[in-house]
């Protein structure tokens, strides 16, 4: 049986966990997120990073980038521009690192990777599977590949990915601290929502604005987070596993009691809901407000009760996604999360593990009726 862990205890971690630590001894065999065994003679010295840049930084520390020789620049610079700008300032050598191309855009180059003479390639599970022939070429050339998978949105793969990154980079102490924190925070959420009623929830991608029916999520990403947070995901069984739009008529018929629209600092998306490092809460609320005016939405319980929310899309499929789950759970079950402040949780995570300052609006209710 789980015991309740105080929030203060979550943050009392060994000093070594907050400082870069580089092991000198030979690295034991590493088990990655796919259960594969990866063998290295010691912590990697020439690393290519294909994804999960913020997770790599949290585990390896800013100094971990001193051993990176190449990365997928498009994924970071274009898809998470606000994050990229800040990390580029905090870690200046990022600007000069080689670009290996993007597995999602078919620009990934085996020749570029091998030309960098890496002793490790770190990639995400989806990229490893979708580009299997290319990955086989890299492995046949003698370069080990470590697969991480935060996209699966499971405790097991989050922890396995984090511990594997720690071993591969010689930062086991930081990795164990982060994995323990993740386990404890999810355990706390699970304990608090156990046996509670499960309000109906709808989540939609806010990239296109209210005039576009964005993706919702079934048994993946936000769908899993909603269910873990003690909600009933109205998209469960209504869209294919993964993500797809759902008919507006079904949303109206389902009558969600809480609505969360995902937001970010996307480029070339003029109608998107804005959130993240670059935006204050007024901007987030202003760009979220038009959703309340969708046809028929004024009759939804969520809109009538002021339960329309924006949440930054980077709070899913990441090592800090427990803060997004915490926010959802607090909205669904405010009485049992009265002592929890998800924004402060995210701020403290930045202060302890990341080289960039926490700022901006990452999660917010449309109306400020309840914090």
Protein backbone atom coordinates (compact mmCIF):
# COMPACT_ATOMS: atom_id res chain seq x y z
CA UNK A 1 0.00 0.00 0.00
CA UNK A 2 1.29 3.47 -0.84
CA UNK A 3 1.95 5.93 1.95
CA UNK A 4 1.29 9.63 1.54
CA UNK A 5 4.47 11.59 0.86
CA UNK A 6 4.65 15.23 1.85
CA UNK A 7 5.17 17.75 -0.93
CA UNK A 8 8.20 19.08 0.92
CA UNK A 9 9.77 15.62 0.78
CA UNK A 10 9.48 15.62 -3.01
CA UNK A 11 11.97 18.43 -3.24
CA UNK A 12 14.46 17.38 -0.57
CA UNK A 13 16.92 15.66 -2.87
CA UNK A 14 20.62 15.02 -2.36
CA UNK A 15 22.87 17.91 -3.30
CA UNK A 16 24.60 15.65 -5.81
CA UNK A 17 21.33 15.30 -7.68
CA UNK A 18 21.33 18.98 -8.55
CA UNK A 19 24.96 19.07 -9.70
CA UNK A 20 26.53 17.61 -12.83
CA UNK A 21 28.19 14.28 -12.08
CA UNK A 22 30.32 12.48 -14.59
CA UNK A 23 31.22 8.91 -13.77
CA UNK A 24 34.70 7.67 -14.69
CA UNK A 25 34.23 3.93 -14.37
CA UNK A 26 33.12 1.71 -17.24
CA UNK A 27 29.39 1.92 -17.86
CA UNK A 28 27.40 -1.25 -17.06
CA UNK A 29 25.04 -2.49 -19.79
CA UNK A 30 22.19 -0.02 -20.25
CA UNK A 31 18.56 -1.02 -20.71
CA UNK A 32 16.79 1.57 -22.86
CA UNK A 33 13.09 2.39 -23.18
CA UNK A 34 12.49 -0.50 -25.59
CA UNK A 35 14.16 -2.99 -23.28
CA UNK A 36 17.20 -3.21 -25.57
CA UNK A 37 20.66 -3.62 -24.06
CA UNK A 38 23.12 -0.92 -25.06
CA UNK A 39 26.79 -1.39 -24.19
CA UNK A 40 29.22 1.50 -23.85
CA UNK A 41 32.85 1.38 -22.65
CA UNK A 42 32.17 4.44 -20.50
CA UNK A 43 30.04 7.61 -20.53
CA UNK A 44 29.59 8.73 -24.13
CA UNK A 45 31.99 11.46 -25.28
CA UNK A 46 30.60 12.25 -28.75
CA UNK A 47 26.80 12.23 -28.64
CA UNK A 48 24.18 12.90 -31.29
CA UNK A 49 20.79 13.89 -29.82
CA UNK A 50 17.75 13.27 -31.99
CA UNK A 51 14.97 14.45 -29.67
CA UNK A 52 13.99 15.18 -26.04
CA UNK A 53 16.50 17.99 -25.73
CA UNK A 54 15.09 19.35 -22.47
CA UNK A 55 15.07 15.88 -20.94
CA UNK A 56 18.70 15.40 -22.00
CA UNK A 57 19.55 18.73 -20.36
CA UNK A 58 17.72 17.90 -17.14
CA UNK A 59 19.58 14.60 -16.80
CA UNK A 60 23.03 15.53 -18.12
CA UNK A 61 23.04 19.16 -16.99
CA UNK A 62 24.04 22.05 -19.27
CA UNK A 63 27.56 20.62 -19.31
CA UNK A 64 26.22 17.53 -21.02
CA UNK A 65 26.02 19.55 -24.24
CA UNK A 66 29.82 19.88 -24.21
CA UNK A 67 29.88 16.27 -25.42
CA UNK A 68 27.15 16.67 -28.07
CA UNK A 69 28.42 16.89 -31.65
CA UNK A 70 25.10 17.04 -33.50
CA UNK A 71 21.33 17.20 -33.05
CA UNK A 72 18.01 17.55 -34.88
CA UNK A 73 17.89 21.32 -35.04
CA UNK A 74 14.52 21.56 -36.81
CA UNK A 75 12.67 19.75 -34.05
CA UNK A 76 13.88 22.24 -31.46
CA UNK A 77 14.33 25.52 -33.32
CA UNK A 78 11.12 25.32 -35.36
CA UNK A 79 8.76 23.31 -33.20
CA UNK A 80 9.65 24.80 -29.81
CA UNK A 81 10.97 28.22 -30.74
CA UNK A 82 10.54 29.87 -27.34
CA UNK A 83 12.42 27.03 -25.65
CA UNK A 84 15.15 27.05 -28.30
CA UNK A 85 15.78 30.78 -27.93
CA UNK A 86 16.30 30.47 -24.19
CA UNK A 87 18.47 27.38 -24.28
CA UNK A 88 20.56 28.87 -27.07
CA UNK A 89 21.32 31.82 -24.79
CA UNK A 90 22.07 29.57 -21.81
CA UNK A 91 24.20 27.11 -23.81
CA UNK A 92 25.85 29.17 -26.60
CA UNK A 93 27.55 26.21 -28.28
CA UNK A 94 24.12 24.96 -29.41
CA UNK A 95 24.24 27.43 -32.30
CA UNK A 96 27.35 25.85 -33.78
CA UNK A 97 26.37 22.19 -33.47
CA UNK A 98 25.83 20.16 -36.63
CA UNK A 99 22.27 19.53 -37.79
CA UNK A 100 21.56 15.83 -38.53
CA UNK A 101 18.17 16.45 -40.14
CA UNK A 102 14.71 15.43 -38.99
CA UNK A 103 13.28 11.90 -39.07
CA UNK A 104 9.75 13.32 -39.30
CA UNK A 105 10.60 15.51 -42.31
CA UNK A 106 12.63 12.88 -44.20
CA UNK A 107 15.73 15.05 -43.94
CA UNK A 108 17.55 12.78 -41.49
CA UNK A 109 20.98 11.92 -42.89
CA UNK A 110 22.91 8.78 -41.99
CA UNK A 111 25.96 10.25 -43.73
CA UNK A 112 25.85 13.37 -41.56
CA UNK A 113 25.51 11.31 -38.40
CA UNK A 114 28.40 9.00 -39.25
CA UNK A 115 30.53 11.93 -40.40
CA UNK A 116 30.40 13.30 -36.85
CA UNK A 117 32.08 10.10 -35.57
CA UNK A 118 29.70 9.74 -32.60
CA UNK A 119 30.00 7.07 -29.95
CA UNK A 120 26.24 7.29 -29.22
CA UNK A 121 23.03 8.31 -30.98
CA UNK A 122 20.05 9.11 -28.75
CA UNK A 123 16.71 8.89 -30.53
CA UNK A 124 13.04 8.54 -29.67
CA UNK A 125 11.10 5.32 -30.06
CA UNK A 126 8.93 6.55 -32.94
CA UNK A 127 11.96 7.68 -34.95
CA UNK A 128 13.78 4.42 -34.32
CA UNK A 129 10.80 2.42 -35.59
CA UNK A 130 9.84 4.63 -38.54
CA UNK A 131 13.41 4.85 -39.85
CA UNK A 132 14.45 1.29 -39.06
CA UNK A 133 16.60 0.78 -42.21
CA UNK A 134 18.53 3.99 -41.51
CA UNK A 135 18.98 3.08 -37.86
CA UNK A 136 20.28 -0.34 -38.92
CA UNK A 137 22.92 1.36 -41.10
CA UNK A 138 24.10 3.42 -38.15
CA UNK A 139 24.31 0.39 -35.87
CA UNK A 140 26.10 -1.63 -38.54
CA UNK A 141 28.68 1.16 -38.71
CA UNK A 142 29.39 0.53 -35.03
CA UNK A 143 27.48 3.43 -33.45
CA UNK A 144 25.29 2.36 -30.51
CA UNK A 145 21.73 3.75 -30.46
CA UNK A 146 19.96 4.53 -27.20
CA UNK A 147 16.16 4.75 -27.53
CA UNK A 148 14.21 6.98 -25.14
CA UNK A 149 10.43 7.17 -25.11
CA UNK A 150 8.59 9.91 -23.25
CA UNK A 151 5.93 9.91 -25.98
CA UNK A 152 4.35 6.68 -24.74
CA UNK A 153 3.21 8.63 -21.68
CA UNK A 154 3.78 5.75 -19.26
CA UNK A 155 5.55 5.75 -15.92
CA UNK A 156 7.66 2.74 -16.90
CA UNK A 157 9.05 4.25 -20.11
CA UNK A 158 9.59 7.67 -18.54
CA UNK A 159 11.65 6.12 -15.76
CA UNK A 160 13.54 3.75 -18.08
CA UNK A 161 14.39 6.61 -20.45
CA UNK A 162 15.61 8.84 -17.64
CA UNK A 163 17.79 6.19 -16.02
CA UNK A 164 19.22 5.18 -19.40
CA UNK A 165 20.17 8.80 -20.16
CA UNK A 166 21.83 9.02 -16.75
CA UNK A 167 23.94 5.91 -17.34
CA UNK A 168 24.90 6.88 -20.88
CA UNK A 169 26.08 10.34 -19.86
CA UNK A 170 27.56 9.44 -16.47
CA UNK A 171 24.91 11.38 -14.56
CA UNK A 172 23.29 8.58 -12.58
CA UNK A 173 22.64 10.71 -9.50
CA UNK A 174 20.63 13.33 -11.37
CA UNK A 175 18.78 10.63 -13.30
CA UNK A 176 17.77 8.77 -10.14
CA UNK A 177 16.65 12.01 -8.51
CA UNK A 178 14.48 12.86 -11.52
CA UNK A 179 13.06 9.33 -11.78
CA UNK A 180 12.26 9.25 -8.06
CA UNK A 181 10.59 12.65 -8.26
CA UNK A 182 8.48 11.49 -11.21
CA UNK A 183 7.38 8.30 -9.43
CA UNK A 184 6.50 10.17 -6.24
CA UNK A 185 4.53 12.91 -7.94
CA UNK A 186 2.46 10.48 -10.01
CA UNK A 187 1.97 8.33 -6.94
CA UNK A 188 0.66 11.33 -5.03
CA UNK A 189 -1.81 12.21 -7.80
CA UNK A 190 -3.00 8.61 -8.05
CA UNK A 191 -3.52 8.38 -4.29
CA UNK A 192 -5.49 11.64 -4.11
CA UNK A 193 -7.92 10.82 -6.94
CA UNK A 194 -8.51 7.21 -5.89
CA UNK A 195 -12.23 6.54 -5.43
CA UNK A 196 -13.26 10.03 -6.52
CA UNK A 197 -16.03 10.75 -9.10
CA UNK A 198 -14.68 11.12 -12.64
CA UNK A 199 -15.92 14.29 -14.35
CA UNK A 200 -16.25 14.30 -18.14
CA UNK A 201 -13.35 16.01 -19.90
CA UNK A 202 -12.66 17.15 -23.45
CA UNK A 203 -9.16 18.07 -24.69
CA UNK A 204 -8.48 19.67 -28.08
CA UNK A 205 -5.35 20.83 -29.88
CA UNK A 206 -5.50 24.63 -30.08
CA UNK A 207 -3.19 25.08 -33.08
CA UNK A 208 -5.81 26.12 -35.61
CA UNK A 209 -8.03 28.26 -33.41
CA UNK A 210 -11.76 27.91 -32.77
CA UNK A 211 -12.61 27.80 -36.48
CA UNK A 212 -10.72 24.52 -36.88
CA UNK A 213 -11.68 21.26 -35.14
CA UNK A 214 -8.33 20.20 -33.73
CA UNK A 215 -7.21 16.74 -32.69
CA UNK A 216 -8.43 15.17 -29.50
CA UNK A 217 -6.75 12.18 -27.81
CA UNK A 218 -7.64 8.57 -27.10
CA UNK A 219 -5.38 6.39 -24.94
CA UNK A 220 -2.43 8.64 -25.70
CA UNK A 221 -0.92 11.95 -24.56
CA UNK A 222 -3.61 14.14 -23.01
CA UNK A 223 -6.14 11.34 -23.07
CA UNK A 224 -4.00 9.26 -20.75
CA UNK A 225 -3.21 12.25 -18.58
CA UNK A 226 -6.91 13.06 -18.14
CA UNK A 227 -7.71 9.51 -17.09
CA UNK A 228 -4.75 9.35 -14.70
CA UNK A 229 -5.88 12.67 -13.21
CA UNK A 230 -9.24 11.15 -12.33
CA UNK A 231 -11.34 12.24 -15.29
CA UNK A 232 -13.48 10.55 -17.93
CA UNK A 233 -12.08 11.29 -21.38
CA UNK A 234 -15.08 11.76 -23.69
CA UNK A 235 -12.86 10.85 -26.69
CA UNK A 236 -12.12 7.36 -25.34
CA UNK A 237 -13.35 4.88 -27.94
CA UNK A 238 -14.65 7.67 -30.17
CA UNK A 239 -11.48 8.38 -32.15
CA UNK A 240 -8.70 5.96 -33.15
CA UNK A 241 -6.02 5.24 -30.59
CA UNK A 242 -3.73 8.24 -30.72
CA UNK A 243 -5.27 11.48 -31.92
CA UNK A 244 -7.82 12.68 -34.44
CA UNK A 245 -10.61 15.29 -34.60
CA UNK A 246 -13.96 14.39 -33.06
CA UNK A 247 -17.29 15.60 -34.39
CA UNK A 248 -18.57 18.85 -32.84
CA UNK A 249 -21.98 17.22 -32.49
CA UNK A 250 -20.60 14.51 -30.25
CA UNK A 251 -18.83 17.05 -28.03
CA UNK A 252 -22.15 18.84 -27.53
CA UNK A 253 -23.96 15.58 -26.85
CA UNK A 254 -21.32 14.37 -24.39
CA UNK A 255 -21.55 17.56 -22.31
CA UNK A 256 -18.00 17.81 -20.94
CA UNK A 257 -17.69 19.39 -17.50
CA UNK A 258 -14.10 20.51 -18.13
CA UNK A 259 -12.45 21.55 -21.41
CA UNK A 260 -8.70 21.90 -21.92
CA UNK A 261 -7.35 23.51 -25.11
CA UNK A 262 -3.65 22.91 -25.74
CA UNK A 263 -1.58 26.00 -26.43
CA UNK A 264 1.98 26.93 -27.37
CA UNK A 265 4.23 29.40 -29.18
CA UNK A 266 3.72 27.80 -32.61
CA UNK A 267 4.94 29.70 -35.65
CA UNK A 268 2.67 30.28 -38.68
CA UNK A 269 -0.42 29.69 -36.55
CA UNK A 270 -2.08 33.11 -36.21
CA UNK A 271 -5.27 31.80 -34.56
CA UNK A 272 -3.59 29.45 -32.09
CA UNK A 273 -4.01 29.64 -28.35
CA UNK A 274 -0.80 31.07 -26.93
CA UNK A 275 1.05 29.83 -23.86
CA UNK A 276 4.59 29.15 -22.69
CA UNK A 277 7.67 31.19 -21.93
CA UNK A 278 6.75 34.13 -24.18
CA UNK A 279 3.17 34.81 -23.09
CA UNK A 280 1.52 36.33 -20.06
CA UNK A 281 -1.79 35.11 -18.69
CA UNK A 282 -3.73 37.94 -20.31
CA UNK A 283 -2.53 36.86 -23.77
CA UNK A 284 -3.33 33.23 -23.04
CA UNK A 285 -6.86 34.12 -21.93
CA UNK A 286 -7.41 36.48 -24.86
CA UNK A 287 -6.47 33.80 -27.41
CA UNK A 288 -8.49 31.14 -25.56
CA UNK A 289 -11.66 33.24 -25.24
CA UNK A 290 -13.01 32.69 -28.80
CA UNK A 291 -13.47 28.97 -28.07
CA UNK A 292 -16.26 29.81 -25.63
CA UNK A 293 -18.14 31.34 -28.57
CA UNK A 294 -18.26 28.18 -30.67
CA UNK A 295 -21.77 27.21 -31.78
CA UNK A 296 -23.59 25.50 -28.94
CA UNK A 297 -20.72 25.71 -26.48
CA UNK A 298 -22.53 28.21 -24.26
CA UNK A 299 -24.79 25.34 -23.18
CA UNK A 300 -21.92 23.04 -22.16
CA UNK A 301 -21.45 22.53 -18.41
CA UNK A 302 -17.74 23.38 -18.80
CA UNK A 303 -18.49 26.80 -20.30
CA UNK A 304 -21.36 27.58 -17.93
CA UNK A 305 -19.18 26.74 -14.91
CA UNK A 306 -16.03 28.53 -16.06
CA UNK A 307 -14.10 25.32 -16.70
CA UNK A 308 -12.43 26.28 -19.98
CA UNK A 309 -8.62 26.02 -19.68
CA UNK A 310 -5.47 26.48 -21.73
CA UNK A 311 -2.51 24.19 -21.13
CA UNK A 312 0.88 24.36 -22.84
CA UNK A 313 1.39 21.47 -25.26
CA UNK A 314 4.94 20.82 -24.01
CA UNK A 315 3.46 19.66 -20.71
CA UNK A 316 2.65 16.34 -22.38
CA UNK A 317 5.20 13.69 -23.38
CA UNK A 318 7.98 15.17 -21.28
CA UNK A 319 9.88 14.60 -18.06
CA UNK A 320 7.91 17.41 -16.43
CA UNK A 321 4.50 16.27 -17.70
CA UNK A 322 3.53 15.38 -14.13
CA UNK A 323 2.99 19.12 -13.59
CA UNK A 324 0.41 19.16 -16.41
CA UNK A 325 -1.29 16.10 -14.93
CA UNK A 326 -1.23 17.84 -11.56
CA UNK A 327 -2.95 20.89 -13.06
CA UNK A 328 -5.69 18.80 -14.68
CA UNK A 329 -6.24 16.82 -11.48
CA UNK A 330 -6.49 20.03 -9.44
CA UNK A 331 -9.24 21.37 -11.72
CA UNK A 332 -11.19 18.10 -11.61
CA UNK A 333 -10.76 17.59 -7.85
CA UNK A 334 -10.01 20.98 -6.28
CA UNK A 335 -10.83 19.93 -2.75
CA UNK A 336 -8.18 17.20 -2.55
CA UNK A 337 -5.55 19.31 -4.33
CA UNK A 338 -6.06 22.49 -2.33
CA UNK A 339 -2.46 22.39 -1.09
CA UNK A 340 -0.99 21.77 -4.57
CA UNK A 341 0.26 24.56 -6.86
CA UNK A 342 1.16 23.11 -10.28
CA UNK A 343 2.66 26.40 -11.50
CA UNK A 344 5.02 26.49 -8.52
CA UNK A 345 5.85 22.83 -9.16
CA UNK A 346 6.93 23.71 -12.70
CA UNK A 347 8.86 26.74 -11.47
CA UNK A 348 10.72 24.66 -8.88
CA UNK A 349 11.52 22.01 -11.50
CA UNK A 350 13.16 24.69 -13.65
CA UNK A 351 15.14 26.05 -10.73
CA UNK A 352 16.47 22.64 -9.76
CA UNK A 353 17.11 20.93 -13.08
CA UNK A 354 17.12 23.37 -16.00
CA UNK A 355 19.44 26.23 -17.03
CA UNK A 356 16.64 28.55 -18.15
CA UNK A 357 14.41 30.74 -16.02
CA UNK A 358 10.77 29.82 -15.62
CA UNK A 359 8.46 32.53 -16.94
CA UNK A 360 5.27 33.01 -18.88
CA UNK A 361 1.88 31.31 -18.64
CA UNK A 362 1.74 27.54 -19.01
CA UNK A 363 -1.70 26.66 -17.64
CA UNK A 364 -4.67 28.89 -17.00
CA UNK A 365 -8.42 29.01 -16.54
CA UNK A 366 -10.31 31.26 -18.93
CA UNK A 367 -11.98 33.02 -16.03
CA UNK A 368 -9.97 33.68 -12.85
CA UNK A 369 -12.79 32.47 -10.59
CA UNK A 370 -10.69 29.75 -8.97
CA UNK A 371 -6.89 29.40 -8.95
